[in-house]
Amino acid sequence: MDTTPDPTPLSHDPAPVRSQSDLLRLWRALMGELGFTRTSTWVLHLDEDDRPTRRLLEIEDCADEPVRDDLDSLTTLLLRVGGTPPGRWVFLRSRPGRHGPDDLDRTWARELGRACRRAGVVSDVVHLATDQRLVPLPVDDLPAQGLPASA
């Protein structure tokens, strides 16, 4: 069975994602109407021309603290699927609730970024989608504590 994602763009001529505004617009289009019943992490590949491909992955059951070994396995998979630059990967955390970013959301964003740096995976700002909003989780807003090697 071939589990390789389709590398063709999501639409015939998707707009390139070259700014945070472009990325926010793309996530809004992909998520549609907000409202979630579970917590997930979404991963999307952007090709060398900054255009979204069909390499969109939903990782379910992300309500708990992220585990370093799991994130390192994810980035290893991303390298195998998408290779090294010039393409890049973008992430969105979705969860039920109306409140803005909390400590767990920030921890996921920070640790996804760290895992990408460890693996050499090119990534971008992590976004958060809740029942009412879709917002970026800026790196300078993230606490500096780290994760244990495994949980």
N, C-alpha and C. Protein backbone atom coordinates (compact mmCIF):
# COMPACT_ATOMS: atom_id res chain seq x y z
N MET A 1 0.85 -1.18 0.00
CA MET A 1 0.00 0.00 0.00
C MET A 1 0.89 1.24 0.00
N ASP A 2 0.62 2.17 -0.90
CA ASP A 2 1.38 3.41 -0.98
C ASP A 2 0.74 4.45 -0.08
N THR A 3 1.49 4.92 0.92
CA THR A 3 0.97 5.94 1.84
C THR A 3 1.62 7.30 1.58
N THR A 4 2.32 7.44 0.46
CA THR A 4 2.96 8.70 0.13
C THR A 4 1.89 9.73 -0.23
N PRO A 5 1.89 10.90 0.45
CA PRO A 5 0.90 11.92 0.10
C PRO A 5 1.09 12.43 -1.32
N ASP A 6 0.02 12.86 -1.93
CA ASP A 6 0.04 13.42 -3.28
C ASP A 6 0.73 14.79 -3.23
N PRO A 7 1.84 14.98 -3.95
CA PRO A 7 2.56 16.26 -3.88
C PRO A 7 1.98 17.35 -4.76
N THR A 8 0.89 17.10 -5.46
CA THR A 8 0.32 18.13 -6.32
C THR A 8 -0.37 19.20 -5.47
N PRO A 9 -0.46 20.42 -5.98
CA PRO A 9 -1.09 21.49 -5.21
C PRO A 9 -2.53 21.18 -4.84
N LEU A 10 -3.04 21.88 -3.80
CA LEU A 10 -4.40 21.68 -3.33
C LEU A 10 -5.44 22.12 -4.36
N SER A 11 -5.12 23.10 -5.17
CA SER A 11 -6.01 23.53 -6.24
C SER A 11 -5.17 23.70 -7.51
N HIS A 12 -5.81 24.03 -8.60
CA HIS A 12 -5.07 24.13 -9.86
C HIS A 12 -3.97 25.18 -9.81
N ASP A 13 -4.23 26.30 -9.20
CA ASP A 13 -3.21 27.36 -9.12
C ASP A 13 -3.29 28.03 -7.75
N PRO A 14 -2.85 27.33 -6.69
CA PRO A 14 -2.96 27.92 -5.36
C PRO A 14 -2.03 29.12 -5.23
N ALA A 15 -2.49 30.09 -4.46
CA ALA A 15 -1.67 31.27 -4.22
C ALA A 15 -0.45 30.90 -3.39
N PRO A 16 0.70 31.51 -3.68
CA PRO A 16 1.88 31.24 -2.87
C PRO A 16 1.69 31.81 -1.45
N VAL A 17 2.36 31.17 -0.50
CA VAL A 17 2.30 31.59 0.91
C VAL A 17 3.65 32.21 1.23
N ARG A 18 3.70 33.56 1.16
CA ARG A 18 4.97 34.26 1.35
C ARG A 18 4.97 35.20 2.53
N SER A 19 3.85 35.27 3.25
CA SER A 19 3.77 36.15 4.42
C SER A 19 2.89 35.48 5.47
N GLN A 20 2.92 36.02 6.68
CA GLN A 20 2.05 35.49 7.73
C GLN A 20 0.58 35.70 7.38
N SER A 21 0.27 36.78 6.70
CA SER A 21 -1.11 37.01 6.26
C SER A 21 -1.55 35.93 5.27
N ASP A 22 -0.65 35.57 4.35
CA ASP A 22 -0.96 34.50 3.39
C ASP A 22 -1.20 33.18 4.12
N LEU A 23 -0.36 32.88 5.10
CA LEU A 23 -0.49 31.62 5.83
C LEU A 23 -1.78 31.59 6.64
N LEU A 24 -2.11 32.69 7.27
CA LEU A 24 -3.35 32.77 8.04
C LEU A 24 -4.56 32.59 7.11
N ARG A 25 -4.53 33.20 5.95
CA ARG A 25 -5.61 33.07 4.96
C ARG A 25 -5.74 31.61 4.50
N LEU A 26 -4.60 30.94 4.28
CA LEU A 26 -4.61 29.54 3.86
C LEU A 26 -5.23 28.66 4.94
N TRP A 27 -4.80 28.82 6.19
CA TRP A 27 -5.37 28.00 7.27
C TRP A 27 -6.86 28.25 7.40
N ARG A 28 -7.30 29.51 7.26
CA ARG A 28 -8.74 29.79 7.35
C ARG A 28 -9.50 29.07 6.25
N ALA A 29 -8.94 29.06 5.05
CA ALA A 29 -9.61 28.37 3.94
C ALA A 29 -9.66 26.86 4.18
N LEU A 30 -8.57 26.29 4.69
CA LEU A 30 -8.51 24.84 4.92
C LEU A 30 -9.39 24.40 6.09
N MET A 31 -9.49 25.21 7.13
CA MET A 31 -10.26 24.83 8.32
C MET A 31 -11.75 25.07 8.14
N GLY A 32 -12.13 25.96 7.23
CA GLY A 32 -13.55 26.25 7.02
C GLY A 32 -14.17 26.85 8.27
N GLU A 33 -15.41 26.48 8.50
CA GLU A 33 -16.12 26.98 9.67
C GLU A 33 -15.46 26.43 10.94
N LEU A 34 -15.14 27.32 11.86
CA LEU A 34 -14.47 26.90 13.09
C LEU A 34 -15.43 26.16 14.00
N GLY A 35 -14.89 25.31 14.84
CA GLY A 35 -15.65 24.49 15.76
C GLY A 35 -15.07 23.09 15.73
N PHE A 36 -14.51 22.65 16.84
CA PHE A 36 -13.78 21.39 16.85
C PHE A 36 -14.28 20.52 18.00
N THR A 37 -14.30 19.21 17.78
CA THR A 37 -14.73 18.27 18.81
C THR A 37 -13.55 17.57 19.47
N ARG A 38 -12.36 17.72 18.88
CA ARG A 38 -11.16 17.10 19.46
C ARG A 38 -9.95 18.00 19.15
N THR A 39 -8.86 17.70 19.81
CA THR A 39 -7.62 18.45 19.61
C THR A 39 -6.74 17.72 18.60
N SER A 40 -6.26 18.45 17.61
CA SER A 40 -5.42 17.89 16.56
C SER A 40 -4.27 18.83 16.25
N THR A 41 -3.27 18.27 15.60
CA THR A 41 -2.20 19.07 15.01
C THR A 41 -2.24 18.81 13.51
N TRP A 42 -2.34 19.88 12.75
CA TRP A 42 -2.38 19.80 11.30
C TRP A 42 -1.02 20.17 10.76
N VAL A 43 -0.56 19.44 9.75
CA VAL A 43 0.75 19.66 9.14
C VAL A 43 0.54 19.77 7.64
N LEU A 44 1.08 20.81 7.04
CA LEU A 44 0.92 21.04 5.60
C LEU A 44 2.26 21.36 4.98
N HIS A 45 2.51 20.78 3.82
CA HIS A 45 3.76 21.04 3.09
C HIS A 45 3.55 22.15 2.07
N LEU A 46 4.49 23.09 2.03
CA LEU A 46 4.53 24.12 1.01
C LEU A 46 5.73 23.81 0.12
N ASP A 47 5.53 23.84 -1.19
CA ASP A 47 6.61 23.45 -2.10
C ASP A 47 7.65 24.56 -2.26
N GLU A 48 8.60 24.32 -3.15
CA GLU A 48 9.70 25.26 -3.35
C GLU A 48 9.24 26.62 -3.88
N ASP A 49 8.01 26.68 -4.42
CA ASP A 49 7.44 27.95 -4.89
C ASP A 49 6.49 28.55 -3.86
N ASP A 50 6.52 28.03 -2.63
CA ASP A 50 5.68 28.50 -1.52
C ASP A 50 4.20 28.20 -1.73
N ARG A 51 3.89 27.23 -2.55
CA ARG A 51 2.50 26.86 -2.80
C ARG A 51 2.15 25.60 -2.00
N PRO A 52 0.94 25.57 -1.43
CA PRO A 52 0.53 24.38 -0.67
C PRO A 52 0.37 23.16 -1.59
N THR A 53 0.82 22.02 -1.09
CA THR A 53 0.67 20.76 -1.82
C THR A 53 -0.43 19.95 -1.13
N ARG A 54 -0.68 18.77 -1.64
CA ARG A 54 -1.69 17.88 -1.03
C ARG A 54 -1.13 17.13 0.17
N ARG A 55 0.04 17.48 0.59
CA ARG A 55 0.64 16.85 1.77
C ARG A 55 0.10 17.52 3.03
N LEU A 56 -1.15 17.23 3.33
CA LEU A 56 -1.84 17.75 4.51
C LEU A 56 -2.14 16.56 5.41
N LEU A 57 -1.70 16.65 6.65
CA LEU A 57 -1.83 15.55 7.59
C LEU A 57 -2.48 16.06 8.87
N GLU A 58 -3.47 15.33 9.36
CA GLU A 58 -4.07 15.62 10.66
C GLU A 58 -3.59 14.58 11.65
N ILE A 59 -3.00 15.03 12.74
CA ILE A 59 -2.56 14.16 13.81
C ILE A 59 -3.56 14.35 14.94
N GLU A 60 -4.30 13.29 15.25
CA GLU A 60 -5.35 13.37 16.27
C GLU A 60 -4.79 13.11 17.66
N ASP A 61 -5.63 13.36 18.65
CA ASP A 61 -5.30 13.08 20.05
C ASP A 61 -4.08 13.85 20.52
N CYS A 62 -4.09 15.15 20.35
CA CYS A 62 -2.98 16.00 20.77
C CYS A 62 -3.38 16.88 21.95
N ALA A 63 -4.25 16.37 22.81
CA ALA A 63 -4.75 17.17 23.93
C ALA A 63 -3.76 17.22 25.10
N ASP A 64 -2.83 16.26 25.16
CA ASP A 64 -1.87 16.22 26.26
C ASP A 64 -0.58 16.94 25.88
N GLU A 65 0.32 17.03 26.83
CA GLU A 65 1.63 17.63 26.58
C GLU A 65 2.32 16.89 25.42
N PRO A 66 3.03 17.62 24.57
CA PRO A 66 3.77 16.94 23.51
C PRO A 66 4.94 16.15 24.10
N VAL A 67 5.31 15.07 23.45
CA VAL A 67 6.42 14.22 23.88
C VAL A 67 7.55 14.38 22.87
N ARG A 68 8.72 14.69 23.35
CA ARG A 68 9.86 14.97 22.47
C ARG A 68 10.11 13.83 21.47
N ASP A 69 10.12 12.60 21.93
CA ASP A 69 10.38 11.47 21.03
C ASP A 69 9.33 11.38 19.93
N ASP A 70 8.07 11.66 20.26
CA ASP A 70 7.01 11.65 19.24
C ASP A 70 7.22 12.76 18.22
N LEU A 71 7.59 13.94 18.69
CA LEU A 71 7.83 15.05 17.77
C LEU A 71 9.04 14.78 16.89
N ASP A 72 10.07 14.16 17.45
CA ASP A 72 11.24 13.82 16.65
C ASP A 72 10.88 12.78 15.59
N SER A 73 10.00 11.84 15.91
CA SER A 73 9.53 10.86 14.92
C SER A 73 8.75 11.56 13.81
N LEU A 74 7.93 12.54 14.19
CA LEU A 74 7.16 13.29 13.20
C LEU A 74 8.09 14.03 12.25
N THR A 75 9.10 14.72 12.78
CA THR A 75 9.99 15.49 11.89
C THR A 75 10.82 14.56 11.00
N THR A 76 11.16 13.37 11.49
CA THR A 76 11.84 12.39 10.65
C THR A 76 10.95 11.99 9.49
N LEU A 77 9.66 11.75 9.76
CA LEU A 77 8.70 11.43 8.72
C LEU A 77 8.59 12.58 7.71
N LEU A 78 8.53 13.81 8.20
CA LEU A 78 8.39 14.96 7.31
C LEU A 78 9.59 15.07 6.38
N LEU A 79 10.78 14.80 6.91
CA LEU A 79 11.97 14.83 6.05
C LEU A 79 11.90 13.75 4.97
N ARG A 80 11.39 12.60 5.31
CA ARG A 80 11.27 11.51 4.33
C ARG A 80 10.25 11.85 3.25
N VAL A 81 9.16 12.47 3.65
CA VAL A 81 8.08 12.78 2.71
C VAL A 81 8.40 14.01 1.87
N GLY A 82 8.87 15.07 2.53
CA GLY A 82 9.06 16.33 1.83
C GLY A 82 10.48 16.69 1.50
N GLY A 83 11.42 15.94 2.05
CA GLY A 83 12.82 16.25 1.79
C GLY A 83 13.27 17.51 2.51
N THR A 84 14.42 17.97 2.13
CA THR A 84 15.01 19.16 2.74
C THR A 84 14.60 20.38 1.94
N PRO A 85 14.96 21.57 2.38
CA PRO A 85 14.58 22.80 1.68
C PRO A 85 14.87 22.67 0.19
N PRO A 86 14.15 23.35 -0.67
CA PRO A 86 13.51 24.63 -0.45
C PRO A 86 12.06 24.58 0.04
N GLY A 87 11.41 23.45 0.08
CA GLY A 87 10.05 23.39 0.62
C GLY A 87 10.05 23.58 2.13
N ARG A 88 8.86 23.78 2.71
CA ARG A 88 8.77 23.92 4.16
C ARG A 88 7.44 23.36 4.65
N TRP A 89 7.37 23.14 5.97
CA TRP A 89 6.18 22.59 6.62
C TRP A 89 5.58 23.65 7.52
N VAL A 90 4.24 23.69 7.56
CA VAL A 90 3.54 24.61 8.46
C VAL A 90 2.60 23.80 9.33
N PHE A 91 2.34 24.31 10.54
CA PHE A 91 1.58 23.58 11.54
C PHE A 91 0.43 24.43 12.07
N LEU A 92 -0.67 23.75 12.40
CA LEU A 92 -1.81 24.40 13.05
C LEU A 92 -2.31 23.46 14.14
N ARG A 93 -2.53 24.00 15.32
CA ARG A 93 -3.13 23.24 16.42
C ARG A 93 -4.61 23.63 16.45
N SER A 94 -5.50 22.65 16.40
CA SER A 94 -6.94 22.94 16.51
C SER A 94 -7.47 22.25 17.75
N ARG A 95 -8.41 22.93 18.40
CA ARG A 95 -8.99 22.36 19.63
C ARG A 95 -10.33 23.00 19.91
N PRO A 96 -11.17 22.28 20.67
CA PRO A 96 -12.44 22.89 21.08
C PRO A 96 -12.18 23.97 22.12
N GLY A 97 -13.13 24.85 22.27
CA GLY A 97 -13.04 25.91 23.28
C GLY A 97 -13.04 27.29 22.65
N ARG A 98 -13.39 28.26 23.48
CA ARG A 98 -13.49 29.63 23.00
C ARG A 98 -12.35 30.52 23.49
N HIS A 99 -11.59 30.05 24.47
CA HIS A 99 -10.52 30.88 25.03
C HIS A 99 -9.32 30.95 24.07
N GLY A 100 -8.56 32.01 24.22
CA GLY A 100 -7.38 32.21 23.39
C GLY A 100 -6.27 31.23 23.74
N PRO A 101 -5.09 31.47 23.20
CA PRO A 101 -3.96 30.57 23.45
C PRO A 101 -3.70 30.37 24.94
N ASP A 102 -3.49 29.11 25.32
CA ASP A 102 -3.15 28.82 26.71
C ASP A 102 -1.74 28.23 26.77
N ASP A 103 -1.31 27.86 27.97
CA ASP A 103 0.05 27.35 28.14
C ASP A 103 0.31 26.09 27.32
N LEU A 104 -0.68 25.22 27.21
CA LEU A 104 -0.50 23.99 26.44
C LEU A 104 -0.35 24.29 24.95
N ASP A 105 -1.14 25.23 24.44
CA ASP A 105 -1.01 25.63 23.03
C ASP A 105 0.40 26.17 22.77
N ARG A 106 0.87 27.02 23.67
CA ARG A 106 2.21 27.61 23.53
C ARG A 106 3.30 26.54 23.62
N THR A 107 3.09 25.56 24.50
CA THR A 107 4.06 24.48 24.62
C THR A 107 4.13 23.69 23.32
N TRP A 108 2.98 23.37 22.73
CA TRP A 108 2.97 22.66 21.46
C TRP A 108 3.70 23.46 20.38
N ALA A 109 3.43 24.74 20.29
CA ALA A 109 4.08 25.58 19.27
C ALA A 109 5.58 25.61 19.48
N ARG A 110 6.00 25.83 20.71
CA ARG A 110 7.43 25.91 21.02
C ARG A 110 8.12 24.59 20.70
N GLU A 111 7.54 23.48 21.14
CA GLU A 111 8.18 22.18 20.97
C GLU A 111 8.16 21.69 19.53
N LEU A 112 7.12 22.04 18.77
CA LEU A 112 7.14 21.74 17.33
C LEU A 112 8.30 22.47 16.67
N GLY A 113 8.48 23.74 17.02
CA GLY A 113 9.59 24.52 16.48
C GLY A 113 10.94 23.93 16.84
N ARG A 114 11.09 23.52 18.09
CA ARG A 114 12.36 22.91 18.52
C ARG A 114 12.62 21.60 17.80
N ALA A 115 11.60 20.78 17.64
CA ALA A 115 11.76 19.49 16.94
C ALA A 115 12.18 19.73 15.49
N CYS A 116 11.58 20.71 14.86
CA CYS A 116 11.94 21.04 13.47
C CYS A 116 13.39 21.49 13.39
N ARG A 117 13.81 22.34 14.31
CA ARG A 117 15.21 22.79 14.30
C ARG A 117 16.18 21.63 14.52
N ARG A 118 15.85 20.72 15.45
CA ARG A 118 16.72 19.56 15.69
C ARG A 118 16.89 18.72 14.43
N ALA A 119 15.82 18.59 13.66
CA ALA A 119 15.82 17.71 12.48
C ALA A 119 16.26 18.41 11.20
N GLY A 120 16.33 19.74 11.23
CA GLY A 120 16.63 20.47 10.01
C GLY A 120 15.43 20.63 9.10
N VAL A 121 14.23 20.55 9.68
CA VAL A 121 12.99 20.74 8.93
C VAL A 121 12.66 22.24 8.92
N VAL A 122 12.50 22.80 7.73
CA VAL A 122 12.14 24.21 7.62
C VAL A 122 10.65 24.35 7.94
N SER A 123 10.32 25.24 8.88
CA SER A 123 8.93 25.42 9.29
C SER A 123 8.63 26.91 9.43
N ASP A 124 7.46 27.20 9.93
CA ASP A 124 6.99 28.57 10.05
C ASP A 124 6.27 28.72 11.38
N VAL A 125 5.69 29.87 11.63
CA VAL A 125 4.94 30.11 12.86
C VAL A 125 3.78 29.12 12.96
N VAL A 126 3.60 28.53 14.13
CA VAL A 126 2.48 27.62 14.38
C VAL A 126 1.23 28.47 14.62
N HIS A 127 0.10 28.02 14.10
CA HIS A 127 -1.16 28.71 14.30
C HIS A 127 -2.08 27.88 15.21
N LEU A 128 -3.05 28.56 15.80
CA LEU A 128 -4.04 27.94 16.67
C LEU A 128 -5.43 28.24 16.14
N ALA A 129 -6.27 27.21 16.03
CA ALA A 129 -7.67 27.37 15.66
C ALA A 129 -8.53 26.84 16.81
N THR A 130 -9.43 27.68 17.30
CA THR A 130 -10.38 27.28 18.33
C THR A 130 -11.78 27.41 17.76
N ASP A 131 -12.79 27.33 18.61
CA ASP A 131 -14.16 27.45 18.13
C ASP A 131 -14.49 28.86 17.65
N GLN A 132 -13.68 29.85 18.04
CA GLN A 132 -13.99 31.23 17.68
C GLN A 132 -12.91 31.98 16.91
N ARG A 133 -11.68 31.47 16.93
CA ARG A 133 -10.60 32.26 16.32
C ARG A 133 -9.53 31.37 15.72
N LEU A 134 -8.78 31.99 14.81
CA LEU A 134 -7.61 31.35 14.23
C LEU A 134 -6.51 32.39 14.29
N VAL A 135 -5.46 32.10 15.07
CA VAL A 135 -4.41 33.09 15.34
C VAL A 135 -3.03 32.44 15.29
N PRO A 136 -1.99 33.25 14.99
CA PRO A 136 -0.62 32.75 15.08
C PRO A 136 -0.19 32.68 16.54
N LEU A 137 0.74 31.78 16.83
CA LEU A 137 1.35 31.68 18.15
C LEU A 137 2.80 32.15 18.01
N PRO A 138 3.05 33.46 18.16
CA PRO A 138 4.40 34.00 17.93
C PRO A 138 5.42 33.37 18.88
N VAL A 139 6.61 33.13 18.35
CA VAL A 139 7.68 32.51 19.12
C VAL A 139 8.07 33.36 20.32
N ASP A 140 8.09 34.68 20.19
CA ASP A 140 8.52 35.53 21.30
C ASP A 140 7.49 35.57 22.42
N ASP A 141 6.34 34.95 22.23
CA ASP A 141 5.29 34.88 23.24
C ASP A 141 5.33 33.55 23.99
N LEU A 142 6.33 32.71 23.68
CA LEU A 142 6.36 31.36 24.22
C LEU A 142 7.29 31.26 25.42
N PRO A 143 6.86 30.60 26.50
CA PRO A 143 7.74 30.38 27.64
C PRO A 143 8.96 29.55 27.24
N ALA A 144 10.03 29.65 28.00
CA ALA A 144 11.30 29.04 27.62
C ALA A 144 11.53 27.64 28.17
N GLN A 145 10.62 27.06 28.93
CA GLN A 145 10.86 25.74 29.50
C GLN A 145 10.84 24.66 28.44
N GLY A 146 11.52 23.56 28.68
CA GLY A 146 11.64 22.49 27.69
C GLY A 146 10.88 21.25 28.10
N LEU A 147 10.96 20.25 27.28
CA LEU A 147 10.27 18.99 27.53
C LEU A 147 11.27 17.92 27.96
N PRO A 148 10.80 16.95 28.72
CA PRO A 148 11.66 15.80 28.99
C PRO A 148 11.83 14.97 27.72
N ALA A 149 12.85 14.13 27.66
CA ALA A 149 13.11 13.30 26.48
C ALA A 149 11.96 12.37 26.17
N SER A 150 11.24 11.93 27.18
CA SER A 150 10.04 11.12 26.94
C SER A 150 9.12 11.28 28.13
N ALA A 151 7.86 10.95 27.92
CA ALA A 151 6.89 11.08 29.00
C ALA A 151 6.21 9.76 29.26
